[in-house]
Amino acid sequence: MSPRRSYDQYCSAARALDLVGDRWTLLIVRELLAGPRRYTDLHADLPGVSTDMLATRLRDMERDGLIARRRLAPPGNASVYELTSRGRQLTGVLHALGQWGEGELGDRGPTDAVRAHWFALPLLRALEAAGVRGVVQVSLEEGEFHLHAGSAEGPVYGIGAAPREPDLRLDLDARTCLALARGELDAAALLVRV
Protein backbone atom coordinates (compact mmCIF):
# COMPACT_ATOMS: atom_id res chain seq x y z
CA MET A 1 0.00 0.00 0.00
CA SER A 2 1.36 3.40 -0.85
CA PRO A 3 2.07 5.76 2.02
CA ARG A 4 -0.52 8.47 2.43
CA ARG A 5 0.75 11.77 1.12
CA SER A 6 -0.45 14.93 2.74
CA TYR A 7 -0.33 18.65 2.20
CA ASP A 8 0.04 18.91 6.01
CA GLN A 9 -2.29 21.90 6.06
CA TYR A 10 -5.07 22.39 8.60
CA CYS A 11 -7.61 23.23 5.90
CA SER A 12 -10.65 21.21 4.84
CA ALA A 13 -9.84 21.62 1.11
CA ALA A 14 -6.28 20.38 1.66
CA ARG A 15 -7.50 17.43 3.73
CA ALA A 16 -10.04 16.53 1.06
CA LEU A 17 -7.32 16.67 -1.59
CA ASP A 18 -5.18 14.40 0.59
CA LEU A 19 -7.86 11.75 -0.09
CA VAL A 20 -9.06 12.45 -3.63
CA GLY A 21 -6.42 14.69 -5.20
CA ASP A 22 -4.30 11.90 -6.68
CA ARG A 23 -4.56 11.23 -10.39
CA TRP A 24 -7.34 8.76 -11.34
CA THR A 25 -9.12 8.81 -7.96
CA LEU A 26 -12.11 10.92 -8.99
CA LEU A 27 -12.40 9.11 -12.33
CA ILE A 28 -12.59 5.81 -10.43
CA VAL A 29 -15.40 7.35 -8.36
CA ARG A 30 -17.13 8.37 -11.63
CA GLU A 31 -16.99 4.76 -12.80
CA LEU A 32 -18.27 3.39 -9.49
CA LEU A 33 -21.29 5.70 -9.52
CA ALA A 34 -22.71 3.07 -11.91
CA GLY A 35 -22.63 0.53 -9.07
CA PRO A 36 -20.24 -2.32 -8.25
CA ARG A 37 -17.58 -2.96 -10.89
CA ARG A 38 -14.92 -5.61 -11.41
CA TYR A 39 -11.27 -4.61 -11.70
CA THR A 40 -11.21 -5.61 -15.39
CA ASP A 41 -14.28 -3.46 -16.12
CA LEU A 42 -12.71 -0.47 -14.38
CA HIS A 43 -9.48 -0.94 -16.31
CA ALA A 44 -11.37 -1.16 -19.62
CA ASP A 45 -13.31 2.07 -18.94
CA LEU A 46 -10.29 4.05 -17.73
CA PRO A 47 -8.11 4.14 -20.87
CA GLY A 48 -4.58 5.23 -20.07
CA VAL A 49 -4.41 3.95 -16.50
CA SER A 50 -1.76 1.32 -15.90
CA THR A 51 -2.70 -1.85 -14.05
CA ASP A 52 -0.25 -0.95 -11.25
CA MET A 53 -1.70 2.55 -10.87
CA LEU A 54 -5.28 1.27 -10.81
CA ALA A 55 -4.45 -1.38 -8.21
CA THR A 56 -2.65 1.22 -6.07
CA ARG A 57 -5.51 3.72 -6.28
CA LEU A 58 -8.10 1.07 -5.42
CA ARG A 59 -6.08 -0.02 -2.37
CA ASP A 60 -5.66 3.60 -1.26
CA MET A 61 -9.36 4.35 -1.74
CA GLU A 62 -10.30 1.22 0.21
CA ARG A 63 -7.91 2.18 3.03
CA ASP A 64 -9.42 5.68 3.11
CA GLY A 65 -13.00 4.39 3.32
CA LEU A 66 -14.13 5.65 -0.10
CA ILE A 67 -14.72 2.21 -1.60
CA ALA A 68 -15.25 -1.33 -0.39
CA ARG A 69 -14.30 -4.59 -2.07
CA ARG A 70 -16.56 -7.61 -1.82
CA ARG A 71 -16.73 -11.04 -3.35
CA LEU A 72 -19.78 -11.95 -5.43
CA ALA A 73 -21.53 -15.20 -4.61
CA PRO A 74 -21.26 -18.06 -7.12
CA PRO A 75 -21.71 -18.30 -10.03
CA GLY A 76 -20.22 -14.76 -10.26
CA ASN A 77 -17.41 -15.60 -7.86
CA ALA A 78 -15.50 -12.39 -8.63
CA SER A 79 -14.46 -9.41 -6.55
CA VAL A 80 -16.14 -6.09 -7.17
CA TYR A 81 -15.45 -2.58 -5.94
CA GLU A 82 -18.23 -0.26 -4.85
CA LEU A 83 -18.53 3.16 -3.30
CA THR A 84 -19.14 3.48 0.41
CA SER A 85 -21.58 6.13 1.62
CA ARG A 86 -18.56 8.42 2.09
CA GLY A 87 -17.47 7.76 -1.48
CA ARG A 88 -20.99 8.50 -2.79
CA GLN A 89 -20.75 11.92 -1.17
CA LEU A 90 -18.29 12.80 -3.94
CA THR A 91 -21.15 12.83 -6.49
CA GLY A 92 -21.67 16.56 -5.98
CA VAL A 93 -17.94 17.19 -6.34
CA LEU A 94 -17.95 15.37 -9.70
CA HIS A 95 -21.03 17.31 -10.82
CA ALA A 96 -19.34 20.62 -9.96
CA LEU A 97 -16.01 19.62 -11.48
CA GLY A 98 -17.69 18.38 -14.67
CA GLN A 99 -19.72 21.55 -15.01
CA TRP A 100 -16.62 23.65 -14.46
CA GLY A 101 -14.72 21.66 -17.11
CA GLU A 102 -17.41 21.64 -19.82
CA GLY A 103 -15.87 24.67 -21.49
CA GLU A 104 -12.63 22.74 -21.91
CA LEU A 105 -14.14 20.04 -24.11
CA GLY A 106 -14.20 21.81 -27.45
CA ASP A 107 -14.01 19.46 -30.42
CA ARG A 108 -13.14 15.84 -29.80
CA GLY A 109 -9.55 15.08 -30.77
CA PRO A 110 -8.59 12.10 -32.91
CA THR A 111 -6.96 10.34 -29.95
CA ASP A 112 -9.63 11.21 -27.35
CA ALA A 113 -11.21 8.12 -25.84
CA VAL A 114 -14.94 8.25 -25.15
CA ARG A 115 -17.44 6.00 -23.44
CA ALA A 116 -21.17 6.66 -23.67
CA HIS A 117 -21.60 6.58 -19.89
CA TRP A 118 -19.14 9.45 -19.46
CA PHE A 119 -22.06 11.66 -20.50
CA ALA A 120 -24.20 10.34 -17.63
CA LEU A 121 -23.37 12.93 -14.97
CA PRO A 122 -23.71 16.05 -17.12
CA LEU A 123 -26.89 14.71 -18.69
CA LEU A 124 -28.30 13.76 -15.29
CA ARG A 125 -27.63 17.29 -14.04
CA ALA A 126 -29.55 18.77 -16.99
CA LEU A 127 -32.47 16.34 -16.71
CA GLU A 128 -32.89 16.82 -12.96
CA ALA A 129 -32.78 20.61 -13.43
CA ALA A 130 -35.67 20.14 -15.90
CA GLY A 131 -37.62 18.24 -13.23
CA VAL A 132 -37.18 14.79 -14.76
CA ARG A 133 -37.53 11.87 -12.33
CA GLY A 134 -37.32 8.14 -12.93
CA VAL A 135 -35.26 5.81 -15.11
CA VAL A 136 -34.08 7.34 -18.37
CA GLN A 137 -32.64 5.10 -21.10
CA VAL A 138 -30.02 6.94 -23.19
CA SER A 139 -28.73 5.72 -26.55
CA LEU A 140 -25.70 7.28 -28.22
CA GLU A 141 -23.52 6.13 -31.12
CA GLU A 142 -20.91 5.18 -28.51
CA GLY A 143 -23.30 2.92 -26.58
CA GLU A 144 -26.18 2.85 -24.10
CA PHE A 145 -26.57 3.80 -20.48
CA HIS A 146 -29.43 4.56 -18.15
CA LEU A 147 -29.88 7.24 -15.51
CA HIS A 148 -31.70 7.16 -12.20
CA ALA A 149 -32.95 10.76 -12.14
CA GLY A 150 -34.07 12.01 -8.75
CA SER A 151 -32.85 8.91 -6.89
CA ALA A 152 -30.92 9.49 -3.68
CA GLU A 153 -30.01 5.82 -3.18
CA GLY A 154 -28.37 3.19 -5.34
CA PRO A 155 -26.41 3.72 -8.54
CA VAL A 156 -26.57 7.15 -10.19
CA TYR A 157 -26.40 5.57 -13.63
CA GLY A 158 -25.89 2.16 -15.19
CA ILE A 159 -23.99 0.95 -18.22
CA GLY A 160 -26.13 -0.67 -20.91
CA ALA A 161 -29.87 -1.15 -20.95
CA ALA A 162 -32.00 -0.30 -17.91
CA PRO A 163 -32.86 -3.27 -15.66
CA ARG A 164 -36.56 -2.49 -16.09
CA GLU A 165 -38.74 -0.67 -18.59
CA PRO A 166 -37.52 2.96 -18.50
CA ASP A 167 -39.83 5.87 -17.79
CA LEU A 168 -38.25 7.91 -20.58
CA ARG A 169 -35.94 7.40 -23.57
CA LEU A 170 -33.35 9.64 -25.19
CA ASP A 171 -31.67 8.90 -28.53
CA LEU A 172 -28.82 11.36 -28.94
CA ASP A 173 -25.47 11.98 -30.53
CA ALA A 174 -22.52 13.15 -28.42
CA ARG A 175 -22.82 16.78 -29.61
CA THR A 176 -26.52 16.96 -28.64
CA CYS A 177 -25.76 15.34 -25.30
CA LEU A 178 -23.10 17.96 -24.60
CA ALA A 179 -25.44 20.79 -25.67
CA LEU A 180 -28.06 19.46 -23.23
CA ALA A 181 -25.55 19.36 -20.41
CA ARG A 182 -24.49 22.94 -21.14
CA GLY A 183 -28.12 24.11 -21.09
CA GLU A 184 -28.07 25.04 -24.77
CA LEU A 185 -31.01 22.71 -25.49
CA ASP A 186 -34.23 22.05 -23.58
CA ALA A 187 -34.10 18.53 -22.16
CA ALA A 188 -37.88 18.20 -21.91
CA ALA A 189 -38.30 18.70 -25.69
CA LEU A 190 -36.09 15.68 -26.49
CA LEU A 191 -37.60 13.17 -24.07
CA VAL A 192 -39.73 10.34 -25.39
CA ARG A 193 -42.16 8.96 -22.82
CA VAL A 194 -42.41 5.19 -22.84
Foldseek 3Di string as FASTA:
>chain_A
DDDQDFPPDPDPVRVVCSQQVDPPRVVLLLVQLQPWDALVVSPVVDPPDDSVRSVVSQVSCVVVQQKDWDADDPPRRGIIIHGDVVNVVCLVVVLVVCLVCLVVCPDDDPPDDDAVCVLLSLLLVLCVVLVDAWKEWEQEPRAIKIAGRPDPDDRRIHGHDDPDDTQKYAYDYPVVSSCSSNVVDRPVVRIDGD
